[in-house]
C-alpha cells in the first residue's frame, strides 16, 4: 500500500526524491534500533552508502507495517458487513418459520423482506469476497514483513529492491481502485505511535468514524 503521504496525493508514489523527517523507534540492527531519519530517499536506490541503505530499509519496513494495518482494517470492516447480512438472513428465515408454525403472516412478510435484502447486499456488494481478499493481502504483507525482520541489518541493496518490487506487485493487485486517505493516515498514526515517531496526522472525529466508508479529506496535517 502507498504510505499516508502518497495516499494524500492520490495513492501513487512520485519518482522524485522525497524528504523523510522524524524519529524512529526500534527497527533494525544488532540492537534493533534505527537511527533518526532526516534524508532524501531515492526510489531507484542508486548511490546508497551503508547509512543510506539503513534509512531505505527503515522507510520500507515502516510502509509495509502500515500496509498490514490497512489491510487488517479493511478485512475486518467487510467481514463485519458480511456478518450483518448473515444475521439478517437467519432472523428472516426464523420469522418465516414462525409464520409457518404459528400462523403469523406479518412475521413471514418481515422475514422474507430481510432475506431478500441480505441476499441482494451479499450478491451486489460481495462483502464476504472482499473480506477474504483483504485478509489474503494482509497475510502477504505480513509474510514480507516477517522475511524483512529475519534478514535484518544484513539486508543488501538488491534485497531491498526485491522487497520494493514485491510490495509494488501487491499494490497493483487491489480490489478497490483507490486508497482511502483517512484510513491510511489512521494506520500511519498507529504505526508512528508504536515506534514512537513524531509528526502524527491530526484527524477529527468524523473522519475517523467514516474512515472505512467515506474518504473525508484531512483538514490539517502535522
N, C-alpha and C. Protein backbone atom coordinates (compact mmCIF):
# COMPACT_ATOMS: atom_id res chain seq x y z
N UNK A 1 0.84 -1.18 0.00
CA UNK A 1 0.00 0.00 0.00
C UNK A 1 0.88 1.23 0.00
N UNK A 2 0.42 2.35 -0.64
CA UNK A 2 1.17 3.58 -0.54
C UNK A 2 1.12 4.11 0.87
N UNK A 3 2.12 4.92 1.26
CA UNK A 3 2.10 5.46 2.60
C UNK A 3 1.12 6.61 2.68
N UNK A 4 1.00 7.21 3.88
CA UNK A 4 -0.02 8.23 4.09
C UNK A 4 0.19 9.44 3.20
N UNK A 5 1.44 9.84 2.99
CA UNK A 5 1.71 10.99 2.14
C UNK A 5 1.36 10.69 0.69
N UNK A 6 1.67 9.46 0.24
CA UNK A 6 1.30 9.07 -1.13
C UNK A 6 -0.20 9.02 -1.28
N UNK A 7 -0.90 8.51 -0.26
CA UNK A 7 -2.35 8.41 -0.32
C UNK A 7 -2.98 9.78 -0.42
N UNK A 8 -2.40 10.74 0.30
CA UNK A 8 -2.93 12.09 0.26
C UNK A 8 -2.84 12.68 -1.13
N UNK A 9 -1.87 12.22 -1.92
CA UNK A 9 -1.67 12.72 -3.27
C UNK A 9 -2.34 11.84 -4.31
N UNK A 10 -3.19 10.91 -3.90
CA UNK A 10 -3.93 10.12 -4.86
C UNK A 10 -3.53 8.68 -4.91
N UNK A 11 -2.67 8.23 -4.01
CA UNK A 11 -2.34 6.81 -3.94
C UNK A 11 -1.21 6.39 -4.83
N UNK A 12 -0.45 7.34 -5.40
CA UNK A 12 0.64 6.98 -6.29
C UNK A 12 1.91 7.65 -5.82
N UNK A 13 3.00 6.92 -5.82
CA UNK A 13 4.29 7.46 -5.40
C UNK A 13 4.89 8.31 -6.51
N UNK A 14 5.69 9.27 -6.12
CA UNK A 14 6.37 10.11 -7.09
C UNK A 14 7.73 9.55 -7.40
N UNK A 15 8.22 9.83 -8.61
CA UNK A 15 9.54 9.36 -8.99
C UNK A 15 10.64 10.26 -8.47
N UNK A 16 10.28 11.45 -7.95
CA UNK A 16 11.28 12.37 -7.45
C UNK A 16 11.59 12.04 -6.01
N UNK A 17 12.81 12.41 -5.55
CA UNK A 17 13.17 12.13 -4.16
C UNK A 17 12.21 12.82 -3.21
N UNK A 18 11.90 12.19 -2.08
CA UNK A 18 11.03 12.76 -1.08
C UNK A 18 11.80 12.89 0.22
N UNK A 19 11.45 13.87 1.03
CA UNK A 19 12.13 14.12 2.29
C UNK A 19 11.38 13.45 3.41
N UNK A 20 12.09 12.66 4.20
CA UNK A 20 11.50 11.95 5.32
C UNK A 20 12.07 12.53 6.59
N UNK A 21 11.21 12.97 7.49
CA UNK A 21 11.67 13.54 8.75
C UNK A 21 10.95 12.85 9.90
N UNK A 22 11.66 12.65 10.99
CA UNK A 22 11.03 12.04 12.15
C UNK A 22 12.05 11.35 13.01
N UNK A 23 11.58 10.75 14.09
CA UNK A 23 12.45 10.00 14.98
C UNK A 23 11.91 8.58 15.05
N UNK A 24 12.73 7.61 14.68
CA UNK A 24 12.26 6.22 14.63
C UNK A 24 12.53 5.51 15.95
N UNK A 25 11.62 4.64 16.31
CA UNK A 25 11.82 3.78 17.46
C UNK A 25 12.62 2.57 17.05
N UNK A 26 12.34 1.44 17.66
CA UNK A 26 13.13 0.23 17.40
C UNK A 26 12.76 -0.38 16.07
N UNK A 27 13.78 -0.60 15.22
CA UNK A 27 13.53 -1.15 13.89
C UNK A 27 14.50 -2.28 13.58
N UNK A 28 15.75 -1.94 13.30
CA UNK A 28 16.69 -2.90 12.76
C UNK A 28 18.01 -2.85 13.50
N UNK A 29 18.94 -3.73 13.07
CA UNK A 29 20.29 -3.69 13.60
C UNK A 29 20.46 -4.65 14.76
N UNK A 30 21.72 -4.80 15.21
CA UNK A 30 22.01 -5.73 16.29
C UNK A 30 21.17 -5.45 17.54
N UNK A 31 20.94 -4.17 17.83
CA UNK A 31 20.12 -3.83 19.00
C UNK A 31 18.71 -3.46 18.59
N UNK A 32 18.33 -3.78 17.32
CA UNK A 32 17.00 -3.50 16.80
C UNK A 32 16.66 -2.02 16.93
N UNK A 33 17.61 -1.16 16.62
CA UNK A 33 17.36 0.28 16.71
C UNK A 33 17.90 0.96 15.46
N UNK A 34 17.06 1.82 14.88
CA UNK A 34 17.46 2.56 13.68
C UNK A 34 17.73 4.01 14.04
N UNK A 35 18.67 4.61 13.36
CA UNK A 35 18.99 6.00 13.62
C UNK A 35 17.84 6.90 13.19
N UNK A 36 17.84 8.15 13.70
CA UNK A 36 16.82 9.12 13.32
C UNK A 36 16.92 9.41 11.84
N UNK A 37 15.74 9.57 11.19
CA UNK A 37 15.72 9.77 9.74
C UNK A 37 15.57 11.25 9.42
N UNK A 38 16.41 11.76 8.55
CA UNK A 38 16.28 13.10 8.00
C UNK A 38 17.11 13.14 6.73
N UNK A 39 16.54 12.63 5.64
CA UNK A 39 17.29 12.48 4.42
C UNK A 39 16.35 12.40 3.24
N UNK A 40 16.91 12.33 2.04
CA UNK A 40 16.15 12.09 0.83
C UNK A 40 16.29 10.64 0.43
N UNK A 41 15.17 10.04 0.03
CA UNK A 41 15.18 8.63 -0.35
C UNK A 41 14.95 8.54 -1.84
N UNK A 42 15.88 7.96 -2.56
CA UNK A 42 15.74 7.76 -3.98
C UNK A 42 15.06 6.43 -4.24
N UNK A 43 13.92 6.43 -4.99
CA UNK A 43 13.26 5.16 -5.28
C UNK A 43 14.17 4.16 -5.98
N UNK A 44 15.10 4.67 -6.80
CA UNK A 44 15.99 3.76 -7.52
C UNK A 44 17.03 3.14 -6.61
N UNK A 45 17.35 3.84 -5.53
CA UNK A 45 18.31 3.31 -4.57
C UNK A 45 19.76 3.44 -5.03
N UNK A 46 20.00 4.21 -6.08
CA UNK A 46 21.36 4.33 -6.58
C UNK A 46 22.19 5.23 -5.68
N UNK A 47 23.45 4.92 -5.56
CA UNK A 47 24.37 5.76 -4.81
C UNK A 47 24.18 5.70 -3.32
N UNK A 48 23.63 4.60 -2.79
CA UNK A 48 23.37 4.50 -1.35
C UNK A 48 24.58 3.93 -0.64
N UNK A 49 25.03 4.63 0.38
CA UNK A 49 26.04 4.07 1.25
C UNK A 49 25.37 3.23 2.31
N UNK A 50 26.15 2.73 3.28
CA UNK A 50 25.58 1.86 4.31
C UNK A 50 24.53 2.60 5.14
N UNK A 51 24.81 3.90 5.48
CA UNK A 51 23.84 4.67 6.24
C UNK A 51 22.57 4.93 5.45
N UNK A 52 22.74 5.22 4.19
CA UNK A 52 21.59 5.48 3.33
C UNK A 52 20.76 4.21 3.14
N UNK A 53 21.43 3.09 3.04
CA UNK A 53 20.72 1.82 2.90
C UNK A 53 19.90 1.53 4.15
N UNK A 54 20.46 1.85 5.31
CA UNK A 54 19.73 1.67 6.56
C UNK A 54 18.46 2.50 6.57
N UNK A 55 18.55 3.72 6.07
CA UNK A 55 17.39 4.60 6.03
C UNK A 55 16.35 4.11 5.02
N UNK A 56 16.81 3.56 3.91
CA UNK A 56 15.88 2.97 2.94
C UNK A 56 15.14 1.80 3.56
N UNK A 57 15.87 0.97 4.32
CA UNK A 57 15.23 -0.16 4.99
C UNK A 57 14.19 0.34 5.99
N UNK A 58 14.55 1.38 6.75
CA UNK A 58 13.62 1.91 7.74
C UNK A 58 12.35 2.44 7.11
N UNK A 59 12.48 3.18 6.00
CA UNK A 59 11.31 3.71 5.30
C UNK A 59 10.45 2.58 4.75
N UNK A 60 11.08 1.55 4.19
CA UNK A 60 10.35 0.46 3.56
C UNK A 60 9.60 -0.37 4.59
N UNK A 61 10.25 -0.74 5.70
CA UNK A 61 9.58 -1.58 6.69
C UNK A 61 8.45 -0.81 7.36
N UNK A 62 8.60 0.49 7.50
CA UNK A 62 7.52 1.30 8.07
C UNK A 62 6.29 1.25 7.16
N UNK A 63 6.50 1.43 5.86
CA UNK A 63 5.38 1.40 4.91
C UNK A 63 4.73 0.02 4.85
N UNK A 64 5.54 -1.03 4.94
CA UNK A 64 4.99 -2.39 4.94
C UNK A 64 4.11 -2.60 6.17
N UNK A 65 4.58 -2.15 7.33
CA UNK A 65 3.80 -2.30 8.56
C UNK A 65 2.50 -1.52 8.49
N UNK A 66 2.53 -0.33 7.90
CA UNK A 66 1.31 0.45 7.72
C UNK A 66 0.33 -0.29 6.81
N UNK A 67 0.85 -0.92 5.77
CA UNK A 67 0.00 -1.68 4.84
C UNK A 67 -0.66 -2.87 5.53
N UNK A 68 0.08 -3.52 6.43
CA UNK A 68 -0.51 -4.63 7.20
C UNK A 68 -1.70 -4.13 8.00
N UNK A 69 -1.56 -2.98 8.64
CA UNK A 69 -2.64 -2.41 9.42
C UNK A 69 -3.83 -2.03 8.52
N UNK A 70 -3.54 -1.44 7.38
CA UNK A 70 -4.59 -1.01 6.46
C UNK A 70 -5.40 -2.21 5.98
N UNK A 71 -4.73 -3.25 5.56
CA UNK A 71 -5.42 -4.46 5.07
C UNK A 71 -6.23 -5.12 6.18
N UNK A 72 -5.70 -5.11 7.40
CA UNK A 72 -6.43 -5.68 8.53
C UNK A 72 -7.74 -4.94 8.78
N UNK A 73 -7.69 -3.62 8.73
CA UNK A 73 -8.89 -2.83 8.97
C UNK A 73 -9.92 -3.03 7.86
N UNK A 74 -9.46 -3.12 6.61
CA UNK A 74 -10.40 -3.34 5.50
C UNK A 74 -11.02 -4.73 5.61
N UNK A 75 -10.23 -5.74 5.96
CA UNK A 75 -10.75 -7.10 6.10
C UNK A 75 -11.78 -7.16 7.23
N UNK A 76 -11.48 -6.53 8.36
CA UNK A 76 -12.40 -6.55 9.50
C UNK A 76 -13.70 -5.85 9.14
N UNK A 77 -13.62 -4.73 8.44
CA UNK A 77 -14.81 -3.96 8.07
C UNK A 77 -15.74 -4.78 7.17
N UNK A 78 -15.18 -5.39 6.13
CA UNK A 78 -16.01 -6.17 5.22
C UNK A 78 -16.53 -7.45 5.87
N UNK A 79 -15.75 -8.04 6.75
CA UNK A 79 -16.21 -9.22 7.47
C UNK A 79 -17.39 -8.86 8.39
N UNK A 80 -17.32 -7.68 8.99
CA UNK A 80 -18.42 -7.20 9.84
C UNK A 80 -19.69 -7.02 9.02
N UNK A 81 -19.59 -6.42 7.82
CA UNK A 81 -20.76 -6.26 6.96
C UNK A 81 -21.31 -7.61 6.52
N UNK A 82 -20.42 -8.54 6.20
CA UNK A 82 -20.86 -9.88 5.79
C UNK A 82 -21.58 -10.57 6.94
N UNK A 83 -21.11 -10.38 8.17
CA UNK A 83 -21.77 -10.98 9.33
C UNK A 83 -23.16 -10.40 9.54
N UNK A 84 -23.31 -9.11 9.28
CA UNK A 84 -24.62 -8.48 9.43
C UNK A 84 -25.63 -9.09 8.46
N UNK A 85 -25.22 -9.28 7.20
CA UNK A 85 -26.13 -9.89 6.23
C UNK A 85 -26.47 -11.33 6.61
N UNK A 86 -25.52 -12.03 7.19
CA UNK A 86 -25.79 -13.41 7.64
C UNK A 86 -26.82 -13.41 8.76
N UNK A 87 -26.68 -12.50 9.71
CA UNK A 87 -27.64 -12.40 10.81
C UNK A 87 -29.03 -12.04 10.28
N UNK A 88 -29.07 -11.12 9.32
CA UNK A 88 -30.35 -10.74 8.72
C UNK A 88 -31.03 -11.94 8.07
N UNK A 89 -30.25 -12.75 7.37
CA UNK A 89 -30.81 -13.94 6.73
C UNK A 89 -31.35 -14.92 7.76
N UNK A 90 -30.60 -15.10 8.86
CA UNK A 90 -31.04 -16.02 9.91
C UNK A 90 -32.32 -15.53 10.58
N UNK A 91 -32.36 -14.22 10.88
CA UNK A 91 -33.56 -13.66 11.51
C UNK A 91 -34.74 -13.76 10.56
N UNK A 92 -34.50 -13.45 9.28
CA UNK A 92 -35.58 -13.54 8.31
C UNK A 92 -36.10 -14.95 8.16
N UNK A 93 -35.19 -15.92 8.09
CA UNK A 93 -35.61 -17.30 7.99
C UNK A 93 -36.39 -17.76 9.21
N UNK A 94 -35.97 -17.29 10.38
CA UNK A 94 -36.69 -17.65 11.60
C UNK A 94 -38.09 -17.06 11.60
N UNK A 95 -38.22 -15.83 11.10
CA UNK A 95 -39.54 -15.20 11.05
C UNK A 95 -40.48 -15.94 10.11
N UNK A 96 -39.96 -16.37 8.97
CA UNK A 96 -40.77 -17.16 8.04
C UNK A 96 -41.19 -18.47 8.69
N UNK A 97 -40.28 -19.09 9.42
CA UNK A 97 -40.61 -20.33 10.13
C UNK A 97 -41.67 -20.11 11.19
N UNK A 98 -41.63 -18.94 11.84
CA UNK A 98 -42.64 -18.62 12.85
C UNK A 98 -44.01 -18.52 12.22
N UNK A 99 -44.08 -17.97 11.01
CA UNK A 99 -45.37 -17.88 10.32
C UNK A 99 -45.90 -19.26 9.96
N UNK A 100 -44.99 -20.13 9.51
CA UNK A 100 -45.41 -21.48 9.13
C UNK A 100 -45.93 -22.26 10.33
N UNK A 101 -45.22 -22.12 11.47
CA UNK A 101 -45.59 -22.89 12.66
C UNK A 101 -46.70 -22.22 13.47
N UNK A 102 -46.70 -20.91 13.52
CA UNK A 102 -47.65 -20.21 14.38
C UNK A 102 -48.67 -19.37 13.65
N UNK A 103 -48.67 -19.42 12.32
CA UNK A 103 -49.65 -18.67 11.53
C UNK A 103 -49.58 -17.17 11.86
N UNK A 104 -48.39 -16.58 11.64
CA UNK A 104 -48.18 -15.16 11.87
C UNK A 104 -47.79 -14.52 10.53
N UNK A 105 -48.74 -14.05 9.74
CA UNK A 105 -48.47 -13.51 8.40
C UNK A 105 -47.45 -12.36 8.40
N UNK A 106 -47.55 -11.46 9.40
CA UNK A 106 -46.65 -10.31 9.43
C UNK A 106 -45.20 -10.76 9.58
N UNK A 107 -44.98 -11.78 10.41
CA UNK A 107 -43.63 -12.29 10.60
C UNK A 107 -43.08 -12.84 9.29
N UNK A 108 -43.92 -13.48 8.52
CA UNK A 108 -43.47 -14.03 7.24
C UNK A 108 -43.07 -12.93 6.27
N UNK A 109 -43.85 -11.84 6.24
CA UNK A 109 -43.53 -10.73 5.34
C UNK A 109 -42.22 -10.05 5.74
N UNK A 110 -42.07 -9.81 7.03
CA UNK A 110 -40.84 -9.18 7.50
C UNK A 110 -39.65 -10.09 7.25
N UNK A 111 -39.81 -11.37 7.53
CA UNK A 111 -38.72 -12.31 7.33
C UNK A 111 -38.31 -12.41 5.88
N UNK A 112 -39.29 -12.49 4.99
CA UNK A 112 -38.98 -12.57 3.56
C UNK A 112 -38.25 -11.32 3.09
N UNK A 113 -38.66 -10.16 3.62
CA UNK A 113 -38.01 -8.90 3.25
C UNK A 113 -36.55 -8.89 3.69
N UNK A 114 -36.29 -9.34 4.92
CA UNK A 114 -34.92 -9.39 5.42
C UNK A 114 -34.05 -10.34 4.60
N UNK A 115 -34.60 -11.48 4.22
CA UNK A 115 -33.84 -12.44 3.43
C UNK A 115 -33.50 -11.87 2.07
N UNK A 116 -34.47 -11.19 1.44
CA UNK A 116 -34.23 -10.60 0.12
C UNK A 116 -33.17 -9.50 0.20
N UNK A 117 -33.28 -8.61 1.22
CA UNK A 117 -32.32 -7.51 1.36
C UNK A 117 -30.92 -8.04 1.61
N UNK A 118 -30.80 -9.00 2.51
CA UNK A 118 -29.47 -9.54 2.82
C UNK A 118 -28.86 -10.25 1.61
N UNK A 119 -29.71 -10.95 0.84
CA UNK A 119 -29.21 -11.65 -0.35
C UNK A 119 -28.75 -10.66 -1.41
N UNK A 120 -29.53 -9.59 -1.60
CA UNK A 120 -29.15 -8.57 -2.59
C UNK A 120 -27.84 -7.89 -2.20
N UNK A 121 -27.70 -7.58 -0.91
CA UNK A 121 -26.46 -6.93 -0.45
C UNK A 121 -25.25 -7.85 -0.66
N UNK A 122 -25.42 -9.12 -0.34
CA UNK A 122 -24.31 -10.07 -0.49
C UNK A 122 -23.90 -10.22 -1.94
N UNK A 123 -24.88 -10.31 -2.83
CA UNK A 123 -24.59 -10.50 -4.25
C UNK A 123 -24.06 -9.23 -4.90
N UNK A 124 -24.60 -8.08 -4.49
CA UNK A 124 -24.23 -6.82 -5.13
C UNK A 124 -22.88 -6.30 -4.65
N UNK A 125 -22.70 -6.27 -3.34
CA UNK A 125 -21.50 -5.65 -2.77
C UNK A 125 -20.38 -6.66 -2.51
N UNK A 126 -20.67 -7.95 -2.51
CA UNK A 126 -19.67 -9.01 -2.35
C UNK A 126 -18.78 -8.78 -1.12
N UNK A 127 -19.43 -8.51 0.00
CA UNK A 127 -18.68 -8.19 1.22
C UNK A 127 -17.82 -9.35 1.70
N UNK A 128 -18.34 -10.55 1.64
CA UNK A 128 -17.56 -11.70 2.09
C UNK A 128 -16.33 -11.90 1.21
N UNK A 129 -16.49 -11.73 -0.10
CA UNK A 129 -15.37 -11.87 -1.02
C UNK A 129 -14.31 -10.81 -0.76
N UNK A 130 -14.75 -9.58 -0.52
CA UNK A 130 -13.81 -8.50 -0.23
C UNK A 130 -13.08 -8.74 1.08
N UNK A 131 -13.79 -9.29 2.06
CA UNK A 131 -13.15 -9.60 3.35
C UNK A 131 -12.04 -10.62 3.16
N UNK A 132 -12.32 -11.65 2.36
CA UNK A 132 -11.29 -12.67 2.09
C UNK A 132 -10.11 -12.07 1.33
N UNK A 133 -10.41 -11.20 0.37
CA UNK A 133 -9.33 -10.57 -0.41
C UNK A 133 -8.39 -9.78 0.49
N UNK A 134 -8.96 -8.94 1.35
CA UNK A 134 -8.12 -8.10 2.19
C UNK A 134 -7.40 -8.91 3.25
N UNK A 135 -7.99 -10.01 3.69
CA UNK A 135 -7.29 -10.89 4.63
C UNK A 135 -6.10 -11.55 3.94
N UNK A 136 -6.28 -11.94 2.67
CA UNK A 136 -5.17 -12.51 1.90
C UNK A 136 -4.07 -11.48 1.70
N UNK A 137 -4.47 -10.25 1.40
CA UNK A 137 -3.47 -9.18 1.23
C UNK A 137 -2.70 -8.94 2.52
N UNK A 138 -3.41 -8.95 3.63
CA UNK A 138 -2.74 -8.77 4.91
C UNK A 138 -1.72 -9.87 5.16
N UNK A 139 -2.11 -11.11 4.84
CA UNK A 139 -1.20 -12.24 5.04
C UNK A 139 0.05 -12.09 4.18
N UNK A 140 -0.12 -11.62 2.94
CA UNK A 140 1.02 -11.45 2.04
C UNK A 140 1.96 -10.35 2.54
N UNK A 141 1.38 -9.23 2.97
CA UNK A 141 2.22 -8.16 3.52
C UNK A 141 2.93 -8.62 4.80
N UNK A 142 2.21 -9.36 5.65
CA UNK A 142 2.81 -9.84 6.89
C UNK A 142 3.95 -10.82 6.61
N UNK A 143 3.81 -11.60 5.54
CA UNK A 143 4.88 -12.53 5.18
C UNK A 143 6.13 -11.76 4.75
N UNK A 144 5.93 -10.70 3.96
CA UNK A 144 7.07 -9.86 3.56
C UNK A 144 7.70 -9.21 4.78
N UNK A 145 6.87 -8.75 5.71
CA UNK A 145 7.37 -8.12 6.93
C UNK A 145 8.21 -9.11 7.74
N UNK A 146 7.73 -10.35 7.85
CA UNK A 146 8.48 -11.37 8.59
C UNK A 146 9.83 -11.65 7.93
N UNK A 147 9.83 -11.79 6.61
CA UNK A 147 11.08 -12.03 5.89
C UNK A 147 12.05 -10.87 6.08
N UNK A 148 11.49 -9.66 6.08
CA UNK A 148 12.29 -8.45 6.26
C UNK A 148 13.03 -8.49 7.61
N UNK A 149 12.29 -8.80 8.67
CA UNK A 149 12.90 -8.82 10.00
C UNK A 149 13.88 -9.97 10.17
N UNK A 150 13.65 -11.08 9.50
CA UNK A 150 14.57 -12.22 9.60
C UNK A 150 15.94 -11.86 9.00
N UNK A 151 15.93 -11.06 7.94
CA UNK A 151 17.21 -10.64 7.34
C UNK A 151 17.85 -9.55 8.17
N UNK A 152 17.03 -8.57 8.59
CA UNK A 152 17.51 -7.51 9.48
C UNK A 152 18.60 -6.64 8.85
N UNK A 153 19.59 -6.31 9.67
CA UNK A 153 20.64 -5.38 9.23
C UNK A 153 21.57 -5.98 8.20
N UNK A 154 21.49 -7.29 7.95
CA UNK A 154 22.33 -7.91 6.93
C UNK A 154 21.76 -7.73 5.52
N UNK A 155 20.65 -7.03 5.40
CA UNK A 155 19.99 -6.86 4.11
C UNK A 155 20.85 -6.05 3.15
N UNK A 156 20.91 -6.52 1.90
CA UNK A 156 21.68 -5.85 0.87
C UNK A 156 20.79 -4.93 0.04
N UNK A 157 21.42 -4.12 -0.80
CA UNK A 157 20.69 -3.22 -1.68
C UNK A 157 19.76 -3.99 -2.61
N UNK A 158 20.25 -5.11 -3.13
CA UNK A 158 19.44 -5.92 -4.03
C UNK A 158 18.21 -6.47 -3.32
N UNK A 159 18.36 -6.90 -2.07
CA UNK A 159 17.22 -7.43 -1.32
C UNK A 159 16.19 -6.34 -1.04
N UNK A 160 16.66 -5.12 -0.75
CA UNK A 160 15.73 -4.00 -0.55
C UNK A 160 14.91 -3.77 -1.81
N UNK A 161 15.59 -3.77 -2.95
CA UNK A 161 14.89 -3.55 -4.22
C UNK A 161 13.90 -4.68 -4.51
N UNK A 162 14.27 -5.91 -4.15
CA UNK A 162 13.35 -7.04 -4.35
C UNK A 162 12.11 -6.89 -3.48
N UNK A 163 12.30 -6.46 -2.24
CA UNK A 163 11.16 -6.23 -1.36
C UNK A 163 10.25 -5.13 -1.91
N UNK A 164 10.86 -4.06 -2.42
CA UNK A 164 10.07 -2.98 -3.00
C UNK A 164 9.28 -3.47 -4.21
N UNK A 165 9.87 -4.36 -4.99
CA UNK A 165 9.16 -4.93 -6.14
C UNK A 165 7.98 -5.80 -5.68
N UNK A 166 8.18 -6.57 -4.61
CA UNK A 166 7.09 -7.39 -4.08
C UNK A 166 5.93 -6.52 -3.59
N UNK A 167 6.27 -5.43 -2.92
CA UNK A 167 5.24 -4.52 -2.43
C UNK A 167 4.49 -3.88 -3.59
N UNK A 168 5.24 -3.48 -4.62
CA UNK A 168 4.60 -2.87 -5.80
C UNK A 168 3.63 -3.84 -6.46
N UNK A 169 3.99 -5.12 -6.49
CA UNK A 169 3.12 -6.13 -7.09
C UNK A 169 1.83 -6.27 -6.28
N UNK A 170 1.93 -6.21 -4.96
CA UNK A 170 0.74 -6.30 -4.12
C UNK A 170 -0.14 -5.07 -4.29
N UNK A 171 0.47 -3.90 -4.41
CA UNK A 171 -0.30 -2.68 -4.61
C UNK A 171 -1.08 -2.72 -5.91
N UNK A 172 -0.51 -3.36 -6.93
CA UNK A 172 -1.19 -3.46 -8.23
C UNK A 172 -2.35 -4.44 -8.18
N UNK A 173 -2.29 -5.41 -7.25
CA UNK A 173 -3.34 -6.43 -7.14
C UNK A 173 -4.37 -5.98 -6.11
N UNK A 174 -5.08 -4.89 -6.42
CA UNK A 174 -6.04 -4.31 -5.48
C UNK A 174 -7.46 -4.44 -6.00
N UNK A 175 -8.37 -4.82 -5.11
CA UNK A 175 -9.77 -4.95 -5.49
C UNK A 175 -10.42 -3.58 -5.62
N UNK A 176 -9.96 -2.62 -4.84
CA UNK A 176 -10.51 -1.28 -4.88
C UNK A 176 -9.56 -0.38 -5.66
N UNK A 177 -10.13 0.53 -6.43
CA UNK A 177 -9.31 1.35 -7.32
C UNK A 177 -8.57 2.49 -6.66
N UNK A 178 -8.85 2.75 -5.40
CA UNK A 178 -8.19 3.88 -4.74
C UNK A 178 -7.89 3.53 -3.29
N UNK A 179 -6.98 4.26 -2.71
CA UNK A 179 -6.65 4.10 -1.31
C UNK A 179 -7.45 5.12 -0.50
N UNK A 180 -8.01 4.69 0.61
CA UNK A 180 -8.74 5.59 1.50
C UNK A 180 -7.74 6.42 2.30
N UNK A 181 -7.67 7.72 1.98
CA UNK A 181 -6.64 8.58 2.56
C UNK A 181 -6.70 8.63 4.08
N UNK A 182 -7.90 8.83 4.62
CA UNK A 182 -8.03 8.98 6.07
C UNK A 182 -7.69 7.68 6.78
N UNK A 183 -8.15 6.56 6.25
CA UNK A 183 -7.83 5.27 6.86
C UNK A 183 -6.32 5.02 6.82
N UNK A 184 -5.69 5.41 5.72
CA UNK A 184 -4.24 5.27 5.64
C UNK A 184 -3.54 6.15 6.68
N UNK A 185 -4.07 7.36 6.89
CA UNK A 185 -3.49 8.25 7.89
C UNK A 185 -3.65 7.68 9.29
N UNK A 186 -4.79 7.03 9.57
CA UNK A 186 -5.01 6.39 10.86
C UNK A 186 -3.99 5.28 11.08
N UNK A 187 -3.79 4.45 10.06
CA UNK A 187 -2.81 3.36 10.16
C UNK A 187 -1.40 3.92 10.33
N UNK A 188 -1.11 5.01 9.62
CA UNK A 188 0.19 5.66 9.73
C UNK A 188 0.41 6.16 11.16
N UNK A 189 -0.61 6.80 11.73
CA UNK A 189 -0.50 7.29 13.11
C UNK A 189 -0.28 6.15 14.10
N UNK A 190 -1.01 5.05 13.92
CA UNK A 190 -0.86 3.91 14.83
C UNK A 190 0.56 3.35 14.78
N UNK A 191 1.13 3.27 13.59
CA UNK A 191 2.49 2.75 13.46
C UNK A 191 3.50 3.74 14.04
N UNK A 192 3.24 5.03 13.86
CA UNK A 192 4.12 6.04 14.46
C UNK A 192 4.07 5.95 15.98
N UNK A 193 2.87 5.73 16.52
CA UNK A 193 2.75 5.58 17.98
C UNK A 193 3.53 4.37 18.46
N UNK A 194 3.45 3.27 17.72
CA UNK A 194 4.15 2.04 18.12
C UNK A 194 5.65 2.23 18.11
N UNK A 195 6.14 2.99 17.14
CA UNK A 195 7.58 3.19 17.01
C UNK A 195 8.06 4.48 17.66
N UNK A 196 7.12 5.23 18.27
CA UNK A 196 7.47 6.48 18.92
C UNK A 196 8.09 7.47 17.93
N UNK A 197 7.42 7.65 16.79
CA UNK A 197 7.87 8.59 15.76
C UNK A 197 7.03 9.85 15.84
N UNK A 198 7.66 11.00 15.76
CA UNK A 198 6.95 12.28 15.80
C UNK A 198 6.29 12.58 14.45
N UNK A 199 5.43 13.60 14.45
CA UNK A 199 4.83 14.05 13.20
C UNK A 199 3.56 13.31 12.84
N UNK A 200 2.66 13.12 13.79
CA UNK A 200 1.42 12.40 13.52
C UNK A 200 0.41 13.30 12.82
N UNK A 201 -0.52 12.69 12.11
CA UNK A 201 -1.53 13.42 11.36
C UNK A 201 -2.72 13.74 12.27
N UNK A 202 -3.21 14.96 12.20
CA UNK A 202 -4.35 15.36 13.01
C UNK A 202 -5.64 15.07 12.25
N UNK A 203 -6.51 14.29 12.87
CA UNK A 203 -7.79 13.92 12.26
C UNK A 203 -8.91 14.21 13.25
N UNK A 204 -10.04 14.69 12.74
CA UNK A 204 -11.16 14.95 13.62
C UNK A 204 -12.08 13.73 13.67
N UNK A 205 -13.02 13.75 14.64
CA UNK A 205 -13.81 12.57 14.96
C UNK A 205 -14.56 12.03 13.75
N UNK A 206 -15.20 12.91 12.98
CA UNK A 206 -15.98 12.47 11.82
C UNK A 206 -15.14 11.72 10.80
N UNK A 207 -13.92 12.17 10.60
CA UNK A 207 -13.03 11.48 9.66
C UNK A 207 -12.74 10.07 10.12
N UNK A 208 -12.48 9.89 11.42
CA UNK A 208 -12.20 8.56 11.95
C UNK A 208 -13.43 7.67 11.87
N UNK A 209 -14.60 8.23 12.17
CA UNK A 209 -15.83 7.45 12.21
C UNK A 209 -16.18 6.87 10.84
N UNK A 210 -15.98 7.68 9.77
CA UNK A 210 -16.34 7.25 8.43
C UNK A 210 -15.14 6.81 7.59
N UNK A 211 -14.03 6.50 8.24
CA UNK A 211 -12.79 6.21 7.51
C UNK A 211 -12.93 5.04 6.55
N UNK A 212 -13.74 4.04 6.91
CA UNK A 212 -13.91 2.86 6.06
C UNK A 212 -15.02 3.01 5.03
N UNK A 213 -15.77 4.12 5.13
CA UNK A 213 -16.94 4.30 4.27
C UNK A 213 -16.76 5.45 3.30
N UNK A 214 -16.46 6.61 3.85
CA UNK A 214 -16.40 7.84 3.06
C UNK A 214 -15.07 8.53 3.34
N UNK A 215 -14.31 8.77 2.31
CA UNK A 215 -12.97 9.33 2.45
C UNK A 215 -13.05 10.85 2.55
N UNK A 216 -13.25 11.36 3.78
CA UNK A 216 -13.28 12.80 4.00
C UNK A 216 -11.84 13.29 4.08
N UNK A 217 -11.43 14.21 3.20
CA UNK A 217 -10.02 14.64 3.17
C UNK A 217 -9.60 15.25 4.50
N UNK A 218 -8.38 14.95 4.96
CA UNK A 218 -7.88 15.57 6.21
C UNK A 218 -7.84 17.07 6.08
N UNK A 219 -8.23 17.76 7.15
CA UNK A 219 -8.25 19.22 7.12
C UNK A 219 -6.89 19.81 7.47
N UNK A 220 -6.06 19.04 8.20
CA UNK A 220 -4.75 19.56 8.59
C UNK A 220 -3.81 18.39 8.83
N UNK A 221 -2.56 18.53 8.36
CA UNK A 221 -1.55 17.51 8.57
C UNK A 221 -0.41 18.10 9.37
N UNK A 222 0.09 17.36 10.34
CA UNK A 222 1.25 17.83 11.09
C UNK A 222 2.50 17.76 10.24
